[in-house]
């Protein structure tokens, strides 16, 4: 199986039972056998959204502690690529978390991004390549 890169939305949906995509996220998470990869920007966004929804940090932090969710991105090393991506997609505008995931999709070339974000339909890795996605049918 390819590496799966986790975006904010599915993490929040998985941990928030009131989220409209909770059932989808639970099903997808149950099918994944390898650790999910992500970046610290996604973790920060998810913790913020969970807290805003009245959900504490333990569920998400436990996924990291147990090795089921692995932050695997060095922003300092990738800053030039991140700046270029954010310039390219400034009209959307692209968040730091999204830029990191697009860059991760370039680095982990055989990966899929698990997301709820429709912007990933627009984003391209290596300027022209479609990013394979895991998304709910809408």
N, C-alpha and C. Protein backbone atom coordinates (compact mmCIF):
# COMPACT_ATOMS: atom_id res chain seq x y z
N UNK A 1 0.85 -1.20 0.00
CA UNK A 1 0.00 0.00 0.00
C UNK A 1 0.88 1.25 0.00
N UNK A 2 0.43 2.26 -0.67
CA UNK A 2 1.13 3.53 -0.71
C UNK A 2 1.10 4.22 0.64
N UNK A 3 2.03 5.16 0.83
CA UNK A 3 1.99 5.99 2.04
C UNK A 3 0.73 6.84 1.98
N UNK A 4 0.09 7.02 3.12
CA UNK A 4 -1.08 7.90 3.21
C UNK A 4 -0.68 9.12 4.03
N UNK A 5 -0.88 10.29 3.43
CA UNK A 5 -0.57 11.56 4.07
C UNK A 5 -1.86 12.15 4.60
N UNK A 6 -1.92 12.38 5.90
CA UNK A 6 -3.16 12.81 6.55
C UNK A 6 -3.25 14.32 6.63
N UNK A 7 -4.37 14.85 6.14
CA UNK A 7 -4.69 16.26 6.26
C UNK A 7 -5.53 16.47 7.52
N UNK A 8 -5.76 17.72 7.85
CA UNK A 8 -6.48 18.10 9.07
C UNK A 8 -7.89 17.53 9.14
N UNK A 9 -8.66 17.71 8.08
CA UNK A 9 -10.08 17.34 8.09
C UNK A 9 -10.35 15.91 8.50
N UNK A 10 -9.70 14.92 7.90
CA UNK A 10 -9.96 13.54 8.30
C UNK A 10 -9.56 13.24 9.75
N UNK A 11 -8.50 13.87 10.23
CA UNK A 11 -8.11 13.65 11.63
C UNK A 11 -9.18 14.17 12.57
N UNK A 12 -9.68 15.37 12.29
CA UNK A 12 -10.75 15.95 13.12
C UNK A 12 -12.00 15.10 13.01
N UNK A 13 -12.36 14.71 11.79
CA UNK A 13 -13.57 13.89 11.60
C UNK A 13 -13.47 12.56 12.34
N UNK A 14 -12.31 11.96 12.34
CA UNK A 14 -12.11 10.69 13.03
C UNK A 14 -12.30 10.83 14.54
N UNK A 15 -11.84 11.94 15.09
CA UNK A 15 -11.87 12.13 16.54
C UNK A 15 -13.13 12.81 17.06
N UNK A 16 -13.88 13.45 16.18
CA UNK A 16 -15.09 14.18 16.57
C UNK A 16 -16.32 13.43 16.08
N UNK A 17 -16.98 12.75 16.98
CA UNK A 17 -18.15 11.93 16.61
C UNK A 17 -19.29 12.75 16.02
N UNK A 18 -19.31 14.05 16.27
CA UNK A 18 -20.39 14.89 15.73
C UNK A 18 -20.06 15.41 14.32
N UNK A 19 -18.87 15.16 13.84
CA UNK A 19 -18.47 15.62 12.51
C UNK A 19 -19.24 14.86 11.43
N UNK A 20 -19.66 15.55 10.40
CA UNK A 20 -20.47 14.91 9.35
C UNK A 20 -19.71 13.82 8.60
N UNK A 21 -18.38 13.86 8.64
CA UNK A 21 -17.57 12.86 7.96
C UNK A 21 -16.97 11.82 8.91
N UNK A 22 -17.49 11.76 10.14
CA UNK A 22 -16.95 10.84 11.14
C UNK A 22 -17.03 9.38 10.67
N UNK A 23 -18.16 8.94 10.18
CA UNK A 23 -18.31 7.55 9.76
C UNK A 23 -17.35 7.23 8.61
N UNK A 24 -17.22 8.14 7.66
CA UNK A 24 -16.29 7.95 6.55
C UNK A 24 -14.86 7.82 7.08
N UNK A 25 -14.47 8.73 7.97
CA UNK A 25 -13.10 8.72 8.51
C UNK A 25 -12.83 7.43 9.27
N UNK A 26 -13.78 6.98 10.08
CA UNK A 26 -13.61 5.73 10.82
C UNK A 26 -13.39 4.55 9.88
N UNK A 27 -14.18 4.51 8.82
CA UNK A 27 -14.06 3.42 7.85
C UNK A 27 -12.70 3.44 7.16
N UNK A 28 -12.29 4.62 6.70
CA UNK A 28 -11.01 4.74 6.01
C UNK A 28 -9.85 4.40 6.94
N UNK A 29 -9.89 4.93 8.16
CA UNK A 29 -8.82 4.65 9.12
C UNK A 29 -8.72 3.16 9.41
N UNK A 30 -9.85 2.46 9.44
CA UNK A 30 -9.83 1.03 9.75
C UNK A 30 -9.20 0.21 8.62
N UNK A 31 -9.18 0.75 7.42
CA UNK A 31 -8.62 0.04 6.26
C UNK A 31 -7.12 0.28 6.09
N UNK A 32 -6.58 1.27 6.77
CA UNK A 32 -5.17 1.62 6.61
C UNK A 32 -4.34 0.80 7.60
N UNK A 33 -3.33 0.12 7.07
CA UNK A 33 -2.54 -0.77 7.91
C UNK A 33 -1.18 -0.19 8.29
N UNK A 34 -0.76 0.86 7.61
CA UNK A 34 0.53 1.50 7.92
C UNK A 34 0.28 2.80 8.65
N UNK A 35 1.28 3.31 9.36
CA UNK A 35 1.10 4.62 10.01
C UNK A 35 0.81 5.71 8.98
N UNK A 36 -0.05 6.63 9.36
CA UNK A 36 -0.32 7.80 8.54
C UNK A 36 0.83 8.78 8.72
N UNK A 37 1.23 9.44 7.66
CA UNK A 37 2.26 10.46 7.74
C UNK A 37 1.60 11.82 7.66
N UNK A 38 2.18 12.79 8.33
CA UNK A 38 1.64 14.15 8.30
C UNK A 38 2.75 15.13 8.63
N UNK A 39 2.37 16.37 8.83
CA UNK A 39 3.32 17.41 9.21
C UNK A 39 2.80 18.11 10.47
N UNK A 40 3.67 18.84 11.12
CA UNK A 40 3.29 19.50 12.37
C UNK A 40 2.25 20.60 12.14
N UNK A 41 2.24 21.21 10.95
CA UNK A 41 1.23 22.23 10.66
C UNK A 41 -0.18 21.62 10.66
N UNK A 42 -0.31 20.41 10.14
CA UNK A 42 -1.61 19.71 10.17
C UNK A 42 -1.99 19.40 11.61
N UNK A 43 -1.05 18.93 12.40
CA UNK A 43 -1.33 18.61 13.80
C UNK A 43 -1.80 19.86 14.54
N UNK A 44 -1.13 20.99 14.32
CA UNK A 44 -1.52 22.24 14.98
C UNK A 44 -2.93 22.65 14.57
N UNK A 45 -3.24 22.57 13.28
CA UNK A 45 -4.59 22.91 12.81
C UNK A 45 -5.63 22.00 13.44
N UNK A 46 -5.33 20.71 13.46
CA UNK A 46 -6.29 19.74 14.01
C UNK A 46 -6.52 19.98 15.50
N UNK A 47 -5.46 20.22 16.24
CA UNK A 47 -5.62 20.49 17.67
C UNK A 47 -6.46 21.75 17.90
N UNK A 48 -6.25 22.77 17.09
CA UNK A 48 -7.03 24.00 17.19
C UNK A 48 -8.51 23.73 16.93
N UNK A 49 -8.81 23.02 15.85
CA UNK A 49 -10.21 22.74 15.50
C UNK A 49 -10.88 21.82 16.51
N UNK A 50 -10.14 20.84 17.01
CA UNK A 50 -10.70 19.96 18.03
C UNK A 50 -11.02 20.74 19.30
N UNK A 51 -10.10 21.59 19.70
CA UNK A 51 -10.32 22.40 20.91
C UNK A 51 -11.52 23.31 20.73
N UNK A 52 -11.62 23.92 19.56
CA UNK A 52 -12.77 24.80 19.27
C UNK A 52 -14.09 24.02 19.36
N UNK A 53 -14.04 22.73 19.05
CA UNK A 53 -15.21 21.87 19.14
C UNK A 53 -15.39 21.24 20.51
N UNK A 54 -14.59 21.67 21.48
CA UNK A 54 -14.72 21.15 22.84
C UNK A 54 -14.08 19.79 23.05
N UNK A 55 -13.17 19.41 22.18
CA UNK A 55 -12.51 18.11 22.27
C UNK A 55 -11.06 18.33 22.67
N UNK A 56 -10.62 17.63 23.69
CA UNK A 56 -9.25 17.78 24.18
C UNK A 56 -8.22 17.20 23.23
N UNK A 57 -6.96 17.43 23.53
CA UNK A 57 -5.88 17.00 22.64
C UNK A 57 -5.49 15.52 22.74
N UNK A 58 -5.96 14.84 23.78
CA UNK A 58 -5.45 13.49 24.05
C UNK A 58 -5.64 12.51 22.90
N UNK A 59 -6.78 12.52 22.24
CA UNK A 59 -7.02 11.56 21.15
C UNK A 59 -6.00 11.70 20.04
N UNK A 60 -5.77 12.91 19.60
CA UNK A 60 -4.80 13.14 18.53
C UNK A 60 -3.38 12.85 19.00
N UNK A 61 -3.04 13.33 20.17
CA UNK A 61 -1.69 13.10 20.68
C UNK A 61 -1.43 11.62 20.93
N UNK A 62 -2.45 10.87 21.32
CA UNK A 62 -2.30 9.42 21.50
C UNK A 62 -2.02 8.72 20.17
N UNK A 63 -2.61 9.20 19.08
CA UNK A 63 -2.32 8.62 17.76
C UNK A 63 -0.83 8.77 17.44
N UNK A 64 -0.26 9.91 17.81
CA UNK A 64 1.17 10.15 17.59
C UNK A 64 2.00 9.29 18.53
N UNK A 65 1.63 9.29 19.80
CA UNK A 65 2.38 8.50 20.79
C UNK A 65 2.42 7.02 20.42
N UNK A 66 1.31 6.51 19.90
CA UNK A 66 1.21 5.09 19.54
C UNK A 66 1.84 4.78 18.19
N UNK A 67 2.32 5.80 17.49
CA UNK A 67 2.97 5.59 16.19
C UNK A 67 2.02 5.38 15.05
N UNK A 68 0.74 5.71 15.25
CA UNK A 68 -0.25 5.55 14.18
C UNK A 68 -0.29 6.78 13.27
N UNK A 69 0.17 7.90 13.79
CA UNK A 69 0.27 9.15 13.05
C UNK A 69 1.69 9.67 13.27
N UNK A 70 2.44 9.83 12.19
CA UNK A 70 3.85 10.17 12.30
C UNK A 70 4.14 11.49 11.60
N UNK A 71 4.56 12.52 12.35
CA UNK A 71 5.00 13.76 11.71
C UNK A 71 6.33 13.49 10.99
N UNK A 72 6.35 13.69 9.68
CA UNK A 72 7.51 13.29 8.88
C UNK A 72 7.85 14.40 7.89
N UNK A 73 8.08 15.61 8.42
CA UNK A 73 8.35 16.75 7.55
C UNK A 73 9.25 17.73 8.28
N UNK A 74 10.28 18.20 7.59
CA UNK A 74 11.21 19.16 8.15
C UNK A 74 11.03 20.49 7.42
N UNK A 75 10.28 21.40 8.03
CA UNK A 75 9.96 22.68 7.40
C UNK A 75 11.21 23.47 7.05
N UNK A 76 12.17 23.48 7.95
CA UNK A 76 13.39 24.24 7.69
C UNK A 76 14.09 23.74 6.42
N UNK A 77 14.15 22.44 6.27
CA UNK A 77 14.80 21.85 5.10
C UNK A 77 14.01 22.12 3.82
N UNK A 78 12.70 22.24 3.93
CA UNK A 78 11.83 22.35 2.76
C UNK A 78 11.30 23.77 2.52
N UNK A 79 11.82 24.76 3.23
CA UNK A 79 11.24 26.10 3.20
C UNK A 79 11.20 26.71 1.80
N UNK A 80 12.23 26.52 1.00
CA UNK A 80 12.22 27.10 -0.36
C UNK A 80 11.08 26.51 -1.19
N UNK A 81 10.88 25.22 -1.10
CA UNK A 81 9.78 24.58 -1.83
C UNK A 81 8.42 25.06 -1.32
N UNK A 82 8.31 25.22 0.00
CA UNK A 82 7.05 25.69 0.60
C UNK A 82 6.75 27.11 0.13
N UNK A 83 7.76 27.97 0.13
CA UNK A 83 7.54 29.34 -0.33
C UNK A 83 7.10 29.37 -1.78
N UNK A 84 7.69 28.54 -2.61
CA UNK A 84 7.31 28.51 -4.03
C UNK A 84 5.89 28.00 -4.20
N UNK A 85 5.51 26.96 -3.48
CA UNK A 85 4.14 26.46 -3.55
C UNK A 85 3.14 27.52 -3.11
N UNK A 86 3.44 28.21 -2.02
CA UNK A 86 2.50 29.22 -1.51
C UNK A 86 2.41 30.41 -2.47
N UNK A 87 3.48 30.72 -3.20
CA UNK A 87 3.42 31.75 -4.24
C UNK A 87 2.56 31.28 -5.41
N UNK A 88 2.80 30.05 -5.83
CA UNK A 88 2.07 29.50 -6.96
C UNK A 88 0.56 29.49 -6.71
N UNK A 89 0.17 29.15 -5.49
CA UNK A 89 -1.25 29.02 -5.15
C UNK A 89 -1.75 30.17 -4.27
N UNK A 90 -1.15 31.33 -4.39
CA UNK A 90 -1.53 32.47 -3.54
C UNK A 90 -2.97 32.91 -3.77
N UNK A 91 -3.54 32.64 -4.93
CA UNK A 91 -4.92 33.04 -5.21
C UNK A 91 -5.95 32.17 -4.51
N UNK A 92 -5.54 31.01 -4.00
CA UNK A 92 -6.52 30.10 -3.37
C UNK A 92 -6.92 30.59 -1.98
N UNK A 93 -6.18 31.06 -1.06
CA UNK A 93 -4.75 30.94 -0.81
C UNK A 93 -4.42 29.61 -0.15
N UNK A 94 -3.19 29.18 -0.33
CA UNK A 94 -2.73 27.90 0.20
C UNK A 94 -2.25 28.09 1.65
N UNK A 95 -2.72 27.22 2.54
CA UNK A 95 -2.26 27.26 3.93
C UNK A 95 -0.90 26.59 4.05
N UNK A 96 -0.23 26.84 5.15
CA UNK A 96 1.05 26.18 5.41
C UNK A 96 0.86 24.66 5.44
N UNK A 97 -0.19 24.20 6.09
CA UNK A 97 -0.44 22.76 6.18
C UNK A 97 -0.61 22.16 4.78
N UNK A 98 -1.38 22.81 3.93
CA UNK A 98 -1.58 22.31 2.57
C UNK A 98 -0.27 22.29 1.79
N UNK A 99 0.52 23.34 1.92
CA UNK A 99 1.81 23.40 1.22
C UNK A 99 2.71 22.26 1.68
N UNK A 100 2.73 22.01 2.97
CA UNK A 100 3.56 20.92 3.49
C UNK A 100 3.09 19.58 2.93
N UNK A 101 1.78 19.36 2.86
CA UNK A 101 1.28 18.10 2.33
C UNK A 101 1.56 17.94 0.84
N UNK A 102 1.45 19.02 0.08
CA UNK A 102 1.79 18.94 -1.34
C UNK A 102 3.27 18.59 -1.49
N UNK A 103 4.11 19.23 -0.70
CA UNK A 103 5.54 18.92 -0.76
C UNK A 103 5.80 17.48 -0.33
N UNK A 104 5.10 17.02 0.70
CA UNK A 104 5.25 15.62 1.12
C UNK A 104 4.82 14.67 0.00
N UNK A 105 3.77 15.04 -0.75
CA UNK A 105 3.32 14.22 -1.87
C UNK A 105 4.40 14.15 -2.96
N UNK A 106 5.19 15.21 -3.08
CA UNK A 106 6.31 15.19 -4.02
C UNK A 106 7.43 14.28 -3.51
N UNK A 107 7.75 14.40 -2.25
CA UNK A 107 8.84 13.62 -1.66
C UNK A 107 8.47 12.14 -1.59
N UNK A 108 7.25 11.86 -1.11
CA UNK A 108 6.74 10.48 -1.06
C UNK A 108 5.92 10.28 -2.33
N UNK A 109 6.61 10.05 -3.43
CA UNK A 109 5.99 10.13 -4.77
C UNK A 109 4.89 9.11 -5.00
N UNK A 110 4.85 8.05 -4.26
CA UNK A 110 3.84 7.02 -4.44
C UNK A 110 2.74 7.11 -3.37
N UNK A 111 2.54 8.30 -2.83
CA UNK A 111 1.60 8.48 -1.72
C UNK A 111 0.23 8.95 -2.20
N UNK A 112 -0.72 8.90 -1.26
CA UNK A 112 -2.05 9.47 -1.45
C UNK A 112 -2.29 10.43 -0.30
N UNK A 113 -3.02 11.51 -0.56
CA UNK A 113 -3.38 12.46 0.49
C UNK A 113 -4.82 12.19 0.89
N UNK A 114 -5.02 11.94 2.18
CA UNK A 114 -6.36 11.77 2.73
C UNK A 114 -6.82 13.14 3.19
N UNK A 115 -7.88 13.64 2.56
CA UNK A 115 -8.31 15.01 2.82
C UNK A 115 -9.81 15.17 2.63
N UNK A 116 -10.34 16.23 3.20
CA UNK A 116 -11.71 16.68 2.94
C UNK A 116 -11.68 17.99 2.14
N UNK A 117 -10.50 18.51 1.92
CA UNK A 117 -10.27 19.82 1.33
C UNK A 117 -10.33 19.76 -0.20
N UNK A 118 -11.27 20.47 -0.79
CA UNK A 118 -11.42 20.46 -2.25
C UNK A 118 -10.26 21.14 -2.97
N UNK A 119 -9.46 21.93 -2.27
CA UNK A 119 -8.32 22.58 -2.90
C UNK A 119 -7.30 21.56 -3.42
N UNK A 120 -7.28 20.37 -2.86
CA UNK A 120 -6.34 19.35 -3.32
C UNK A 120 -6.68 18.84 -4.71
N UNK A 121 -7.88 19.12 -5.18
CA UNK A 121 -8.23 18.79 -6.57
C UNK A 121 -7.50 19.75 -7.51
N UNK A 122 -7.21 20.95 -7.04
CA UNK A 122 -6.52 21.98 -7.83
C UNK A 122 -5.00 21.84 -7.73
N UNK A 123 -4.51 21.57 -6.52
CA UNK A 123 -3.07 21.50 -6.31
C UNK A 123 -2.44 20.41 -7.19
N UNK A 124 -1.19 20.66 -7.58
CA UNK A 124 -0.41 19.70 -8.35
C UNK A 124 0.94 19.50 -7.68
N UNK A 125 1.42 18.28 -7.73
CA UNK A 125 2.78 18.02 -7.24
C UNK A 125 3.71 18.10 -8.45
N UNK A 126 4.91 18.57 -8.21
CA UNK A 126 5.90 18.74 -9.29
C UNK A 126 5.32 19.54 -10.45
N UNK A 127 4.50 20.51 -10.10
CA UNK A 127 3.89 21.49 -11.02
C UNK A 127 2.76 20.97 -11.90
N UNK A 128 2.79 19.69 -12.28
CA UNK A 128 1.79 19.21 -13.23
C UNK A 128 1.07 17.93 -12.86
N UNK A 129 1.59 17.22 -11.90
CA UNK A 129 1.05 15.89 -11.61
C UNK A 129 -0.11 15.96 -10.61
N UNK A 130 -1.19 15.29 -10.96
CA UNK A 130 -2.34 15.19 -10.08
C UNK A 130 -1.94 14.46 -8.81
N UNK A 131 -2.42 14.93 -7.68
CA UNK A 131 -2.13 14.28 -6.40
C UNK A 131 -3.22 13.25 -6.14
N UNK A 132 -2.86 11.98 -6.03
CA UNK A 132 -3.87 10.97 -5.70
C UNK A 132 -4.48 11.27 -4.32
N UNK A 133 -5.80 11.17 -4.27
CA UNK A 133 -6.52 11.55 -3.05
C UNK A 133 -7.37 10.41 -2.52
N UNK A 134 -7.58 10.45 -1.23
CA UNK A 134 -8.59 9.64 -0.54
C UNK A 134 -9.57 10.67 0.02
N UNK A 135 -10.77 10.72 -0.55
CA UNK A 135 -11.79 11.70 -0.17
C UNK A 135 -13.15 11.04 -0.15
N UNK A 136 -14.06 11.57 0.65
CA UNK A 136 -15.42 11.04 0.60
C UNK A 136 -16.11 11.44 -0.70
N UNK A 137 -16.99 10.58 -1.16
CA UNK A 137 -17.81 10.92 -2.34
C UNK A 137 -18.80 11.99 -1.94
N UNK A 138 -18.91 13.03 -2.72
CA UNK A 138 -19.89 14.10 -2.44
C UNK A 138 -20.80 14.28 -3.61
